[in-house]
Every structure is written in C-alpha cells, then in structure tokens.
Amino acid sequence: MTEGAAPKKKPVYFEDPAVQSLYQMVLVLGEELAATREQLHALIALCEQGKVPSAEEIESFIPDESFDAERREWVARLLEPLDQLAP
C-alpha cells in the first residue's frame, strides 16, 4: 500500500442520508456527462477536420473557445434548479 494524502471527506449538505446519496449520485452523473460531451465534441471536430478519431487524438484534443462557451451555458442550465432553492 502506498502512502499518500488521505481521501477528503465529502461535505454533507443534507440531513437525510438518502437525499445526500442522491445528491452525490447526481454530481457523479454530471461529471460523466460532461466528460462524454467533451469527447463527443472532440469526435465531431476531428471528423470535420478529416482526421481519424483515435483514442489518442480524442484524448489530446484541445477544444476551441466556442466549446468553452457551450460548456458554461450547459453548466448554468444544469445548476439552474439550485438557484430556485435560494431564499
């Protein structure tokens, strides 16, 4: 076993453990969906450039500024329901 930093405890935002677990699940799904969106964006861009979309090409792909704007809009839409909870 290697020594390293101890894993950080995840913050607890909800008293109900079921709601807290659901919250954690939604975070993980959001992370997975964001990664999938980035890979899809890379795949489409590489195909449009006439390149073979290999795993290496997709991994090393650097998105342009338009994707950053789309990502910001997507994150805003994703978090919008939380804004409605604020008093």
N, C-alpha and C. Protein backbone atom coordinates (compact mmCIF):
# COMPACT_ATOMS: atom_id res chain seq x y z
N MET A 1 0.85 -1.18 0.00
CA MET A 1 0.00 0.00 0.00
C MET A 1 0.89 1.23 0.00
N THR A 2 0.61 2.19 -0.89
CA THR A 2 1.42 3.39 -0.95
C THR A 2 0.84 4.46 -0.05
N GLU A 3 1.75 5.26 0.47
CA GLU A 3 1.30 6.35 1.32
C GLU A 3 0.99 7.56 0.46
N GLY A 4 0.02 8.29 0.84
CA GLY A 4 -0.37 9.49 0.12
C GLY A 4 -1.32 10.28 0.96
N ALA A 5 -1.87 11.28 0.37
CA ALA A 5 -2.83 12.10 1.08
C ALA A 5 -4.08 11.29 1.39
N ALA A 6 -4.56 11.50 2.58
CA ALA A 6 -5.79 10.80 2.98
C ALA A 6 -6.94 11.35 2.15
N PRO A 7 -7.87 10.47 1.75
CA PRO A 7 -9.01 10.96 0.97
C PRO A 7 -9.82 11.96 1.79
N LYS A 8 -10.24 13.02 1.12
CA LYS A 8 -11.02 14.05 1.80
C LYS A 8 -12.44 13.55 2.01
N LYS A 9 -13.00 13.92 3.16
CA LYS A 9 -14.40 13.59 3.41
C LYS A 9 -15.25 14.50 2.54
N LYS A 10 -16.28 13.94 1.96
CA LYS A 10 -17.19 14.72 1.14
C LYS A 10 -18.08 15.56 2.05
N PRO A 11 -18.33 16.81 1.67
CA PRO A 11 -19.19 17.65 2.50
C PRO A 11 -20.62 17.11 2.52
N VAL A 12 -21.27 17.28 3.63
CA VAL A 12 -22.65 16.83 3.78
C VAL A 12 -23.54 18.07 3.72
N TYR A 13 -24.44 18.09 2.75
CA TYR A 13 -25.32 19.23 2.56
C TYR A 13 -26.75 18.96 3.02
N PHE A 14 -27.11 17.69 3.16
CA PHE A 14 -28.49 17.34 3.50
C PHE A 14 -28.50 16.43 4.73
N GLU A 15 -29.47 16.63 5.59
CA GLU A 15 -29.58 15.81 6.80
C GLU A 15 -30.02 14.38 6.47
N ASP A 16 -30.87 14.24 5.49
CA ASP A 16 -31.37 12.92 5.11
C ASP A 16 -30.29 12.19 4.31
N PRO A 17 -29.82 11.04 4.79
CA PRO A 17 -28.76 10.32 4.08
C PRO A 17 -29.17 9.90 2.66
N ALA A 18 -30.44 9.63 2.45
CA ALA A 18 -30.90 9.24 1.11
C ALA A 18 -30.78 10.43 0.15
N VAL A 19 -31.15 11.61 0.60
CA VAL A 19 -31.05 12.80 -0.23
C VAL A 19 -29.58 13.13 -0.49
N GLN A 20 -28.73 12.99 0.53
CA GLN A 20 -27.30 13.23 0.37
C GLN A 20 -26.72 12.25 -0.66
N SER A 21 -27.11 10.99 -0.59
CA SER A 21 -26.63 9.99 -1.55
C SER A 21 -27.11 10.32 -2.96
N LEU A 22 -28.36 10.74 -3.07
CA LEU A 22 -28.90 11.13 -4.38
C LEU A 22 -28.12 12.32 -4.93
N TYR A 23 -27.81 13.27 -4.08
CA TYR A 23 -27.03 14.43 -4.48
C TYR A 23 -25.66 13.99 -5.01
N GLN A 24 -24.99 13.10 -4.29
CA GLN A 24 -23.68 12.62 -4.73
C GLN A 24 -23.80 11.89 -6.07
N MET A 25 -24.86 11.13 -6.24
CA MET A 25 -25.06 10.41 -7.49
C MET A 25 -25.25 11.39 -8.66
N VAL A 26 -26.01 12.45 -8.44
CA VAL A 26 -26.23 13.44 -9.48
C VAL A 26 -24.92 14.13 -9.84
N LEU A 27 -24.08 14.40 -8.84
CA LEU A 27 -22.77 15.00 -9.13
C LEU A 27 -21.92 14.09 -10.02
N VAL A 28 -21.89 12.80 -9.69
CA VAL A 28 -21.11 11.85 -10.48
C VAL A 28 -21.67 11.76 -11.90
N LEU A 29 -22.98 11.69 -12.03
CA LEU A 29 -23.59 11.63 -13.36
C LEU A 29 -23.29 12.90 -14.16
N GLY A 30 -23.31 14.05 -13.50
CA GLY A 30 -22.98 15.30 -14.18
C GLY A 30 -21.54 15.30 -14.67
N GLU A 31 -20.62 14.78 -13.85
CA GLU A 31 -19.22 14.70 -14.26
C GLU A 31 -19.06 13.76 -15.46
N GLU A 32 -19.73 12.63 -15.43
CA GLU A 32 -19.65 11.68 -16.53
C GLU A 32 -20.25 12.26 -17.82
N LEU A 33 -21.37 12.96 -17.68
CA LEU A 33 -22.00 13.56 -18.85
C LEU A 33 -21.12 14.66 -19.43
N ALA A 34 -20.49 15.45 -18.57
CA ALA A 34 -19.59 16.50 -19.05
C ALA A 34 -18.42 15.89 -19.82
N ALA A 35 -17.85 14.81 -19.30
CA ALA A 35 -16.73 14.15 -19.99
C ALA A 35 -17.18 13.58 -21.32
N THR A 36 -18.37 12.99 -21.36
CA THR A 36 -18.90 12.43 -22.60
C THR A 36 -19.16 13.53 -23.62
N ARG A 37 -19.68 14.66 -23.17
CA ARG A 37 -19.92 15.79 -24.07
C ARG A 37 -18.61 16.28 -24.68
N GLU A 38 -17.56 16.35 -23.87
CA GLU A 38 -16.26 16.79 -24.37
C GLU A 38 -15.70 15.81 -25.40
N GLN A 39 -15.86 14.52 -25.13
CA GLN A 39 -15.38 13.52 -26.08
C GLN A 39 -16.18 13.58 -27.38
N LEU A 40 -17.48 13.76 -27.28
CA LEU A 40 -18.31 13.87 -28.48
C LEU A 40 -17.92 15.11 -29.29
N HIS A 41 -17.69 16.21 -28.61
CA HIS A 41 -17.25 17.42 -29.28
C HIS A 41 -15.93 17.17 -30.02
N ALA A 42 -15.00 16.51 -29.36
CA ALA A 42 -13.71 16.20 -29.98
C ALA A 42 -13.91 15.29 -31.19
N LEU A 43 -14.75 14.27 -31.04
CA LEU A 43 -15.01 13.33 -32.13
C LEU A 43 -15.56 14.05 -33.35
N ILE A 44 -16.54 14.90 -33.14
CA ILE A 44 -17.14 15.64 -34.26
C ILE A 44 -16.12 16.56 -34.90
N ALA A 45 -15.37 17.30 -34.08
CA ALA A 45 -14.38 18.24 -34.62
C ALA A 45 -13.30 17.50 -35.41
N LEU A 46 -12.83 16.37 -34.90
CA LEU A 46 -11.80 15.60 -35.60
C LEU A 46 -12.33 15.08 -36.94
N CYS A 47 -13.56 14.59 -36.95
CA CYS A 47 -14.15 14.10 -38.20
C CYS A 47 -14.29 15.24 -39.21
N GLU A 48 -14.71 16.40 -38.73
CA GLU A 48 -14.85 17.55 -39.63
C GLU A 48 -13.50 18.00 -40.19
N GLN A 49 -12.42 17.74 -39.43
CA GLN A 49 -11.08 18.09 -39.90
C GLN A 49 -10.48 17.00 -40.78
N GLY A 50 -11.22 15.91 -40.97
CA GLY A 50 -10.75 14.80 -41.79
C GLY A 50 -9.72 13.92 -41.10
N LYS A 51 -9.66 14.01 -39.77
CA LYS A 51 -8.70 13.19 -39.02
C LYS A 51 -9.37 11.91 -38.53
N VAL A 52 -8.56 10.89 -38.33
CA VAL A 52 -9.07 9.64 -37.77
C VAL A 52 -9.25 9.85 -36.26
N PRO A 53 -10.46 9.69 -35.75
CA PRO A 53 -10.70 9.95 -34.34
C PRO A 53 -10.26 8.79 -33.44
N SER A 54 -8.97 8.62 -33.31
CA SER A 54 -8.44 7.57 -32.44
C SER A 54 -8.56 8.01 -30.98
N ALA A 55 -8.38 7.07 -30.08
CA ALA A 55 -8.43 7.39 -28.65
C ALA A 55 -7.38 8.43 -28.30
N GLU A 56 -6.21 8.32 -28.91
CA GLU A 56 -5.14 9.28 -28.64
C GLU A 56 -5.51 10.67 -29.13
N GLU A 57 -6.08 10.75 -30.34
CA GLU A 57 -6.50 12.04 -30.89
C GLU A 57 -7.58 12.69 -30.02
N ILE A 58 -8.52 11.89 -29.58
CA ILE A 58 -9.61 12.41 -28.75
C ILE A 58 -9.05 12.90 -27.41
N GLU A 59 -8.16 12.12 -26.82
CA GLU A 59 -7.57 12.48 -25.52
C GLU A 59 -6.74 13.75 -25.61
N SER A 60 -6.04 13.96 -26.70
CA SER A 60 -5.16 15.13 -26.82
C SER A 60 -5.85 16.33 -27.45
N PHE A 61 -7.10 16.18 -27.83
CA PHE A 61 -7.84 17.26 -28.48
C PHE A 61 -8.02 18.44 -27.52
N ILE A 62 -7.78 19.62 -28.02
CA ILE A 62 -7.99 20.84 -27.23
C ILE A 62 -9.16 21.59 -27.86
N PRO A 63 -10.26 21.73 -27.11
CA PRO A 63 -11.43 22.40 -27.68
C PRO A 63 -11.19 23.89 -27.91
N ASP A 64 -11.94 24.45 -28.85
CA ASP A 64 -11.81 25.88 -29.11
C ASP A 64 -12.69 26.66 -28.14
N GLU A 65 -12.63 27.98 -28.25
CA GLU A 65 -13.36 28.85 -27.32
C GLU A 65 -14.87 28.66 -27.41
N SER A 66 -15.38 28.28 -28.58
CA SER A 66 -16.83 28.11 -28.70
C SER A 66 -17.32 26.97 -27.81
N PHE A 67 -16.49 25.92 -27.66
CA PHE A 67 -16.90 24.84 -26.78
C PHE A 67 -16.91 25.30 -25.33
N ASP A 68 -15.97 26.15 -24.95
CA ASP A 68 -15.96 26.69 -23.58
C ASP A 68 -17.24 27.45 -23.30
N ALA A 69 -17.70 28.23 -24.27
CA ALA A 69 -18.95 28.97 -24.11
C ALA A 69 -20.14 28.02 -23.98
N GLU A 70 -20.17 26.99 -24.83
CA GLU A 70 -21.25 26.00 -24.75
C GLU A 70 -21.23 25.29 -23.40
N ARG A 71 -20.02 24.98 -22.91
CA ARG A 71 -19.90 24.29 -21.62
C ARG A 71 -20.42 25.19 -20.50
N ARG A 72 -20.09 26.48 -20.53
CA ARG A 72 -20.58 27.40 -19.49
C ARG A 72 -22.12 27.46 -19.50
N GLU A 73 -22.71 27.52 -20.71
CA GLU A 73 -24.16 27.54 -20.82
C GLU A 73 -24.77 26.25 -20.28
N TRP A 74 -24.14 25.11 -20.59
CA TRP A 74 -24.65 23.82 -20.13
C TRP A 74 -24.58 23.74 -18.61
N VAL A 75 -23.48 24.17 -18.03
CA VAL A 75 -23.34 24.14 -16.57
C VAL A 75 -24.36 25.06 -15.93
N ALA A 76 -24.60 26.22 -16.51
CA ALA A 76 -25.61 27.14 -15.98
C ALA A 76 -26.99 26.49 -15.99
N ARG A 77 -27.33 25.82 -17.11
CA ARG A 77 -28.63 25.11 -17.18
C ARG A 77 -28.70 23.99 -16.16
N LEU A 78 -27.60 23.29 -15.98
CA LEU A 78 -27.56 22.18 -15.02
C LEU A 78 -27.78 22.68 -13.59
N LEU A 79 -27.20 23.82 -13.27
CA LEU A 79 -27.28 24.35 -11.90
C LEU A 79 -28.49 25.25 -11.66
N GLU A 80 -29.21 25.58 -12.71
CA GLU A 80 -30.36 26.49 -12.59
C GLU A 80 -31.36 26.07 -11.53
N PRO A 81 -31.72 24.80 -11.41
CA PRO A 81 -32.67 24.42 -10.37
C PRO A 81 -32.19 24.76 -8.96
N LEU A 82 -30.88 24.78 -8.75
CA LEU A 82 -30.37 25.12 -7.42
C LEU A 82 -30.58 26.59 -7.10
N ASP A 83 -30.58 27.45 -8.13
CA ASP A 83 -30.82 28.86 -7.91
C ASP A 83 -32.24 29.10 -7.38
N GLN A 84 -33.16 28.23 -7.75
CA GLN A 84 -34.54 28.38 -7.33
C GLN A 84 -34.71 28.03 -5.86
N LEU A 85 -33.74 27.31 -5.28
CA LEU A 85 -33.81 26.92 -3.87
C LEU A 85 -33.38 28.03 -2.94
N ALA A 86 -32.58 28.97 -3.44
CA ALA A 86 -32.08 30.04 -2.60
C ALA A 86 -33.22 30.92 -2.13
N PRO A 87 -33.17 31.34 -0.84
CA PRO A 87 -34.25 32.19 -0.32
C PRO A 87 -34.24 33.58 -0.89
